[in-house]
């Protein structure tokens, strides 16, 4: 099991969980937002990757960021 998710992983999860295909820039945006939240809590982050545990805990913000992204059909 991976401890950190990168852009490719985020794109795969979003497609699998939400049925939506996102661009790499959208995946980077998600990573940046989550890492900013972690930095505000004085938690060390890795640029271009996000903790899988934190990503899973913040599913609500992920769904908000995906509003307006069309589903793959």
PDB file of N, CA and C in Angstrom:
ATOM      1  N   UNK A   1       0.834  -1.179   0.000  1.00  0.00           N
ATOM      2  CA  UNK A   1       0.000   0.000   0.000  1.00  0.00           C
ATOM      3  C   UNK A   1       0.881   1.246   0.000  1.00  0.00           C
ATOM      4  N   UNK A   2       0.530   2.200  -0.847  1.00  0.00           N
ATOM      5  CA  UNK A   2       1.291   3.438  -0.931  1.00  0.00           C
ATOM      6  C   UNK A   2       0.942   4.353   0.233  1.00  0.00           C
ATOM      7  N   UNK A   3       1.946   5.072   0.701  1.00  0.00           N
ATOM      8  CA  UNK A   3       1.711   6.046   1.763  1.00  0.00           C
ATOM      9  C   UNK A   3       1.459   7.432   1.182  1.00  0.00           C
ATOM     10  N   UNK A   4       2.000   7.684  -0.011  1.00  0.00           N
ATOM     11  CA  UNK A   4       1.822   8.974  -0.664  1.00  0.00           C
ATOM     12  C   UNK A   4       1.281   8.770  -2.069  1.00  0.00           C
ATOM     13  N   UNK A   5       0.374   9.654  -2.450  1.00  0.00           N
ATOM     14  CA  UNK A   5      -0.239   9.604  -3.770  1.00  0.00           C
ATOM     15  C   UNK A   5       0.350  10.699  -4.643  1.00  0.00           C
ATOM     16  N   UNK A   6       0.629  10.346  -5.882  1.00  0.00           N
ATOM     17  CA  UNK A   6       1.117  11.322  -6.856  1.00  0.00           C
ATOM     18  C   UNK A   6       0.002  11.592  -7.860  1.00  0.00           C
ATOM     19  N   UNK A   7       0.286  12.434  -8.835  1.00  0.00           N
ATOM     20  CA  UNK A   7      -0.721  12.859  -9.810  1.00  0.00           C
ATOM     21  C   UNK A   7      -1.401  11.668 -10.475  1.00  0.00           C
ATOM     22  N   UNK A   8      -0.619  10.717 -10.940  1.00  0.00           N
ATOM     23  CA  UNK A   8      -1.177   9.541 -11.619  1.00  0.00           C
ATOM     24  C   UNK A   8      -2.160   8.802 -10.706  1.00  0.00           C
ATOM     25  N   UNK A   9      -1.794   8.659  -9.447  1.00  0.00           N
ATOM     26  CA  UNK A   9      -2.650   7.966  -8.479  1.00  0.00           C
ATOM     27  C   UNK A   9      -3.956   8.723  -8.255  1.00  0.00           C
ATOM     28  N   UNK A  10      -3.863  10.045  -8.112  1.00  0.00           N
ATOM     29  CA  UNK A  10      -5.057  10.872  -7.895  1.00  0.00           C
ATOM     30  C   UNK A  10      -6.001  10.734  -9.086  1.00  0.00           C
ATOM     31  N   UNK A  11      -5.448  10.806 -10.290  1.00  0.00           N
ATOM     32  CA  UNK A  11      -6.271  10.688 -11.503  1.00  0.00           C
ATOM     33  C   UNK A  11      -6.984   9.337 -11.548  1.00  0.00           C
ATOM     34  N   UNK A  12      -6.284   8.267 -11.199  1.00  0.00           N
ATOM     35  CA  UNK A  12      -6.879   6.927 -11.206  1.00  0.00           C
ATOM     36  C   UNK A  12      -7.978   6.799 -10.153  1.00  0.00           C
ATOM     37  N   UNK A  13      -7.742   7.334  -8.970  1.00  0.00           N
ATOM     38  CA  UNK A  13      -8.738   7.256  -7.893  1.00  0.00           C
ATOM     39  C   UNK A  13      -9.990   8.031  -8.266  1.00  0.00           C
ATOM     40  N   UNK A  14      -9.819   9.241  -8.798  1.00  0.00           N
ATOM     41  CA  UNK A  14     -10.971  10.064  -9.179  1.00  0.00           C
ATOM     42  C   UNK A  14     -11.785   9.361 -10.262  1.00  0.00           C
ATOM     43  N   UNK A  15     -11.111   8.761 -11.231  1.00  0.00           N
ATOM     44  CA  UNK A  15     -11.820   8.043 -12.293  1.00  0.00           C
ATOM     45  C   UNK A  15     -12.581   6.853 -11.719  1.00  0.00           C
ATOM     46  N   UNK A  16     -11.937   6.104 -10.846  1.00  0.00           N
ATOM     47  CA  UNK A  16     -12.549   4.911 -10.262  1.00  0.00           C
ATOM     48  C   UNK A  16     -13.689   5.265  -9.300  1.00  0.00           C
ATOM     49  N   UNK A  17     -13.458   6.233  -8.415  1.00  0.00           N
ATOM     50  CA  UNK A  17     -14.431   6.565  -7.370  1.00  0.00           C
ATOM     51  C   UNK A  17     -15.564   7.469  -7.849  1.00  0.00           C
ATOM     52  N   UNK A  18     -15.236   8.406  -8.738  1.00  0.00           N
ATOM     53  CA  UNK A  18     -16.218   9.410  -9.150  1.00  0.00           C
ATOM     54  C   UNK A  18     -16.649   9.273 -10.607  1.00  0.00           C
ATOM     55  N   UNK A  19     -15.978   8.415 -11.365  1.00  0.00           N
ATOM     56  CA  UNK A  19     -16.315   8.243 -12.772  1.00  0.00           C
ATOM     57  C   UNK A  19     -15.979   9.461 -13.609  1.00  0.00           C
ATOM     58  N   UNK A  20     -15.013  10.256 -13.133  1.00  0.00           N
ATOM     59  CA  UNK A  20     -14.628  11.478 -13.829  1.00  0.00           C
ATOM     60  C   UNK A  20     -13.152  11.429 -14.184  1.00  0.00           C
ATOM     61  N   UNK A  21     -12.849  11.880 -15.383  1.00  0.00           N
ATOM     62  CA  UNK A  21     -11.470  11.959 -15.829  1.00  0.00           C
ATOM     63  C   UNK A  21     -10.989  13.391 -15.614  1.00  0.00           C
ATOM     64  N   UNK A  22      -9.890  13.552 -14.890  1.00  0.00           N
ATOM     65  CA  UNK A  22      -9.375  14.895 -14.639  1.00  0.00           C
ATOM     66  C   UNK A  22      -8.000  15.052 -15.272  1.00  0.00           C
ATOM     67  N   UNK A  23      -7.638  16.292 -15.527  1.00  0.00           N
ATOM     68  CA  UNK A  23      -6.329  16.596 -16.099  1.00  0.00           C
ATOM     69  C   UNK A  23      -5.258  16.505 -15.014  1.00  0.00           C
ATOM     70  N   UNK A  24      -4.024  16.455 -15.463  1.00  0.00           N
ATOM     71  CA  UNK A  24      -2.912  16.447 -14.513  1.00  0.00           C
ATOM     72  C   UNK A  24      -2.894  17.740 -13.707  1.00  0.00           C
ATOM     73  N   UNK A  25      -3.239  18.861 -14.348  1.00  0.00           N
ATOM     74  CA  UNK A  25      -3.228  20.134 -13.620  1.00  0.00           C
ATOM     75  C   UNK A  25      -4.286  20.154 -12.520  1.00  0.00           C
ATOM     76  N   UNK A  26      -5.429  19.519 -12.744  1.00  0.00           N
ATOM     77  CA  UNK A  26      -6.470  19.433 -11.712  1.00  0.00           C
ATOM     78  C   UNK A  26      -5.985  18.551 -10.560  1.00  0.00           C
ATOM     79  N   UNK A  27      -5.298  17.464 -10.884  1.00  0.00           N
ATOM     80  CA  UNK A  27      -4.750  16.587  -9.846  1.00  0.00           C
ATOM     81  C   UNK A  27      -3.698  17.331  -9.021  1.00  0.00           C
ATOM     82  N   UNK A  28      -2.848  18.128  -9.693  1.00  0.00           N
ATOM     83  CA  UNK A  28      -1.865  18.937  -8.970  1.00  0.00           C
ATOM     84  C   UNK A  28      -2.555  19.956  -8.076  1.00  0.00           C
ATOM     85  N   UNK A  29      -3.664  20.526  -8.553  1.00  0.00           N
ATOM     86  CA  UNK A  29      -4.421  21.488  -7.746  1.00  0.00           C
ATOM     87  C   UNK A  29      -4.924  20.831  -6.459  1.00  0.00           C
ATOM     88  N   UNK A  30      -5.441  19.623  -6.585  1.00  0.00           N
ATOM     89  CA  UNK A  30      -5.917  18.881  -5.415  1.00  0.00           C
ATOM     90  C   UNK A  30      -4.767  18.653  -4.436  1.00  0.00           C
ATOM     91  N   UNK A  31      -3.624  18.229  -4.955  1.00  0.00           N
ATOM     92  CA  UNK A  31      -2.451  17.990  -4.108  1.00  0.00           C
ATOM     93  C   UNK A  31      -2.024  19.279  -3.411  1.00  0.00           C
ATOM     94  N   UNK A  32      -1.972  20.381  -4.168  1.00  0.00           N
ATOM     95  CA  UNK A  32      -1.560  21.668  -3.582  1.00  0.00           C
ATOM     96  C   UNK A  32      -2.484  22.092  -2.448  1.00  0.00           C
ATOM     97  N   UNK A  33      -3.785  21.985  -2.672  1.00  0.00           N
ATOM     98  CA  UNK A  33      -4.756  22.395  -1.653  1.00  0.00           C
ATOM     99  C   UNK A  33      -4.612  21.548  -0.393  1.00  0.00           C
ATOM    100  N   UNK A  34      -4.519  20.243  -0.572  1.00  0.00           N
ATOM    101  CA  UNK A  34      -4.384  19.361   0.592  1.00  0.00           C
ATOM    102  C   UNK A  34      -3.069  19.606   1.326  1.00  0.00           C
ATOM    103  N   UNK A  35      -1.992  19.824   0.570  1.00  0.00           N
ATOM    104  CA  UNK A  35      -0.704  20.088   1.211  1.00  0.00           C
ATOM    105  C   UNK A  35      -0.706  21.424   1.948  1.00  0.00           C
ATOM    106  N   UNK A  36      -1.409  22.423   1.415  1.00  0.00           N
ATOM    107  CA  UNK A  36      -1.525  23.702   2.125  1.00  0.00           C
ATOM    108  C   UNK A  36      -2.227  23.517   3.466  1.00  0.00           C
ATOM    109  N   UNK A  37      -3.265  22.701   3.468  1.00  0.00           N
ATOM    110  CA  UNK A  37      -3.971  22.410   4.722  1.00  0.00           C
ATOM    111  C   UNK A  37      -3.025  21.757   5.730  1.00  0.00           C
ATOM    112  N   UNK A  38      -2.224  20.821   5.251  1.00  0.00           N
ATOM    113  CA  UNK A  38      -1.281  20.136   6.136  1.00  0.00           C
ATOM    114  C   UNK A  38      -0.208  21.090   6.653  1.00  0.00           C
ATOM    115  N   UNK A  39       0.285  21.974   5.772  1.00  0.00           N
ATOM    116  CA  UNK A  39       1.308  22.936   6.180  1.00  0.00           C
ATOM    117  C   UNK A  39       0.778  23.887   7.246  1.00  0.00           C
ATOM    118  N   UNK A  40      -0.502  24.253   7.145  1.00  0.00           N
ATOM    119  CA  UNK A  40      -1.110  25.120   8.159  1.00  0.00           C
ATOM    120  C   UNK A  40      -1.135  24.440   9.529  1.00  0.00           C
ATOM    121  N   UNK A  41      -1.104  23.125   9.528  1.00  0.00           N
ATOM    122  CA  UNK A  41      -1.070  22.355  10.773  1.00  0.00           C
ATOM    123  C   UNK A  41       0.365  22.001  11.165  1.00  0.00           C
ATOM    124  N   UNK A  42       1.322  22.636  10.476  1.00  0.00           N
ATOM    125  CA  UNK A  42       2.757  22.403  10.705  1.00  0.00           C
ATOM    126  C   UNK A  42       3.166  20.957  10.465  1.00  0.00           C
ATOM    127  N   UNK A  43       2.560  20.341   9.475  1.00  0.00           N
ATOM    128  CA  UNK A  43       2.906  18.977   9.089  1.00  0.00           C
ATOM    129  C   UNK A  43       3.754  19.048   7.825  1.00  0.00           C
ATOM    130  N   UNK A  44       4.843  18.333   7.828  1.00  0.00           N
ATOM    131  CA  UNK A  44       5.753  18.311   6.695  1.00  0.00           C
ATOM    132  C   UNK A  44       5.066  17.693   5.482  1.00  0.00           C
ATOM    133  N   UNK A  45       5.247  18.305   4.314  1.00  0.00           N
ATOM    134  CA  UNK A  45       4.635  17.790   3.088  1.00  0.00           C
ATOM    135  C   UNK A  45       5.708  17.505   2.050  1.00  0.00           C
ATOM    136  N   UNK A  46       5.322  16.752   1.045  1.00  0.00           N
ATOM    137  CA  UNK A  46       6.198  16.443  -0.077  1.00  0.00           C
ATOM    138  C   UNK A  46       5.582  17.085  -1.310  1.00  0.00           C
ATOM    139  N   UNK A  47       6.346  17.910  -1.989  1.00  0.00           N
ATOM    140  CA  UNK A  47       5.854  18.591  -3.177  1.00  0.00           C
ATOM    141  C   UNK A  47       5.484  17.569  -4.254  1.00  0.00           C
ATOM    142  N   UNK A  48       4.281  17.713  -4.808  1.00  0.00           N
ATOM    143  CA  UNK A  48       3.840  16.818  -5.875  1.00  0.00           C
ATOM    144  C   UNK A  48       3.259  15.503  -5.386  1.00  0.00           C
ATOM    145  N   UNK A  49       3.075  15.381  -4.066  1.00  0.00           N
ATOM    146  CA  UNK A  49       2.496  14.160  -3.504  1.00  0.00           C
ATOM    147  C   UNK A  49       1.717  14.529  -2.249  1.00  0.00           C
ATOM    148  N   UNK A  50       0.743  13.701  -1.921  1.00  0.00           N
ATOM    149  CA  UNK A  50      -0.053  13.938  -0.720  1.00  0.00           C
ATOM    150  C   UNK A  50      -0.231  12.612   0.017  1.00  0.00           C
ATOM    151  N   UNK A  51      -0.305  12.703   1.312  1.00  0.00           N
ATOM    152  CA  UNK A  51      -0.511  11.522   2.138  1.00  0.00           C
ATOM    153  C   UNK A  51      -1.826  10.839   1.755  1.00  0.00           C
ATOM    154  N   UNK A  52      -1.769   9.540   1.540  1.00  0.00           N
ATOM    155  CA  UNK A  52      -2.983   8.806   1.189  1.00  0.00           C
ATOM    156  C   UNK A  52      -3.993   8.881   2.326  1.00  0.00           C
ATOM    157  N   UNK A  53      -3.518   8.824   3.535  1.00  0.00           N
ATOM    158  CA  UNK A  53      -4.398   8.889   4.702  1.00  0.00           C
ATOM    159  C   UNK A  53      -5.150  10.224   4.726  1.00  0.00           C
ATOM    160  N   UNK A  54      -4.436  11.320   4.464  1.00  0.00           N
ATOM    161  CA  UNK A  54      -5.079  12.635   4.478  1.00  0.00           C
ATOM    162  C   UNK A  54      -6.017  12.795   3.280  1.00  0.00           C
ATOM    163  N   UNK A  55      -5.609  12.288   2.132  1.00  0.00           N
ATOM    164  CA  UNK A  55      -6.465  12.335   0.939  1.00  0.00           C
ATOM    165  C   UNK A  55      -7.790  11.639   1.223  1.00  0.00           C
ATOM    166  N   UNK A  56      -7.734  10.466   1.822  1.00  0.00           N
ATOM    167  CA  UNK A  56      -8.955   9.719   2.133  1.00  0.00           C
ATOM    168  C   UNK A  56      -9.821  10.453   3.153  1.00  0.00           C
ATOM    169  N   UNK A  57      -9.179  11.121   4.106  1.00  0.00           N
ATOM    170  CA  UNK A  57      -9.920  11.850   5.137  1.00  0.00           C
ATOM    171  C   UNK A  57     -10.609  13.093   4.585  1.00  0.00           C
ATOM    172  N   UNK A  58     -10.123  13.626   3.472  1.00  0.00           N
ATOM    173  CA  UNK A  58     -10.658  14.867   2.917  1.00  0.00           C
ATOM    174  C   UNK A  58     -11.490  14.641   1.654  1.00  0.00           C
ATOM    175  N   UNK A  59     -12.211  13.559   1.595  1.00  0.00           N
ATOM    176  CA  UNK A  59     -13.033  13.252   0.423  1.00  0.00           C
ATOM    177  C   UNK A  59     -14.062  14.342   0.126  1.00  0.00           C
ATOM    178  N   UNK A  60     -14.540  15.032   1.162  1.00  0.00           N
ATOM    179  CA  UNK A  60     -15.533  16.085   0.954  1.00  0.00           C
ATOM    180  C   UNK A  60     -14.962  17.210   0.085  1.00  0.00           C
ATOM    181  N   UNK A  61     -13.738  17.635   0.377  1.00  0.00           N
ATOM    182  CA  UNK A  61     -13.145  18.708  -0.419  1.00  0.00           C
ATOM    183  C   UNK A  61     -12.853  18.228  -1.836  1.00  0.00           C
ATOM    184  N   UNK A  62     -12.529  16.961  -1.986  1.00  0.00           N
ATOM    185  CA  UNK A  62     -12.280  16.410  -3.317  1.00  0.00           C
ATOM    186  C   UNK A  62     -13.551  16.514  -4.147  1.00  0.00           C
ATOM    187  N   UNK A  63     -14.673  16.115  -3.584  1.00  0.00           N
ATOM    188  CA  UNK A  63     -15.933  16.172  -4.331  1.00  0.00           C
ATOM    189  C   UNK A  63     -16.303  17.614  -4.664  1.00  0.00           C
ATOM    190  N   UNK A  64     -15.984  18.572  -3.790  1.00  0.00           N
ATOM    191  CA  UNK A  64     -16.250  19.982  -4.084  1.00  0.00           C
ATOM    192  C   UNK A  64     -15.381  20.469  -5.237  1.00  0.00           C
ATOM    193  N   UNK A  65     -14.133  20.043  -5.270  1.00  0.00           N
ATOM    194  CA  UNK A  65     -13.231  20.454  -6.341  1.00  0.00           C
ATOM    195  C   UNK A  65     -13.624  19.855  -7.688  1.00  0.00           C
ATOM    196  N   UNK A  66     -14.348  18.746  -7.655  1.00  0.00           N
ATOM    197  CA  UNK A  66     -14.730  18.072  -8.892  1.00  0.00           C
ATOM    198  C   UNK A  66     -16.050  18.570  -9.464  1.00  0.00           C
ATOM    199  N   UNK A  67     -16.724  19.469  -8.751  1.00  0.00           N
ATOM    200  CA  UNK A  67     -17.969  20.021  -9.291  1.00  0.00           C
ATOM    201  C   UNK A  67     -17.645  20.731 -10.597  1.00  0.00           C
ATOM    202  N   UNK A  68     -18.448  20.486 -11.593  1.00  0.00           N
ATOM    203  CA  UNK A  68     -18.212  21.086 -12.899  1.00  0.00           C
ATOM    204  C   UNK A  68     -17.389  20.203 -13.822  1.00  0.00           C
ATOM    205  N   UNK A  69     -16.766  19.164 -13.271  1.00  0.00           N
ATOM    206  CA  UNK A  69     -16.031  18.212 -14.103  1.00  0.00           C
ATOM    207  C   UNK A  69     -17.026  17.171 -14.577  1.00  0.00           C
ATOM    208  N   UNK A  70     -17.104  16.992 -15.887  1.00  0.00           N
ATOM    209  CA  UNK A  70     -18.088  16.067 -16.447  1.00  0.00           C
ATOM    210  C   UNK A  70     -17.682  14.622 -16.212  1.00  0.00           C
ATOM    211  N   UNK A  71     -18.702  13.784 -16.033  1.00  0.00           N
ATOM    212  CA  UNK A  71     -18.467  12.346 -15.868  1.00  0.00           C
ATOM    213  C   UNK A  71     -18.048  11.731 -17.190  1.00  0.00           C
ATOM    214  N   UNK A  72     -17.210  10.705 -17.105  1.00  0.00           N
ATOM    215  CA  UNK A  72     -16.862   9.911 -18.287  1.00  0.00           C
ATOM    216  C   UNK A  72     -18.030   9.007 -18.616  1.00  0.00           C
ATOM    217  N   UNK A  73     -18.366   8.948 -19.854  1.00  0.00           N
ATOM    218  CA  UNK A  73     -19.473   8.066 -20.249  1.00  0.00           C
ATOM    219  C   UNK A  73     -19.056   7.177 -21.382  1.00  0.00           C
TER     220      UNK A  73
END
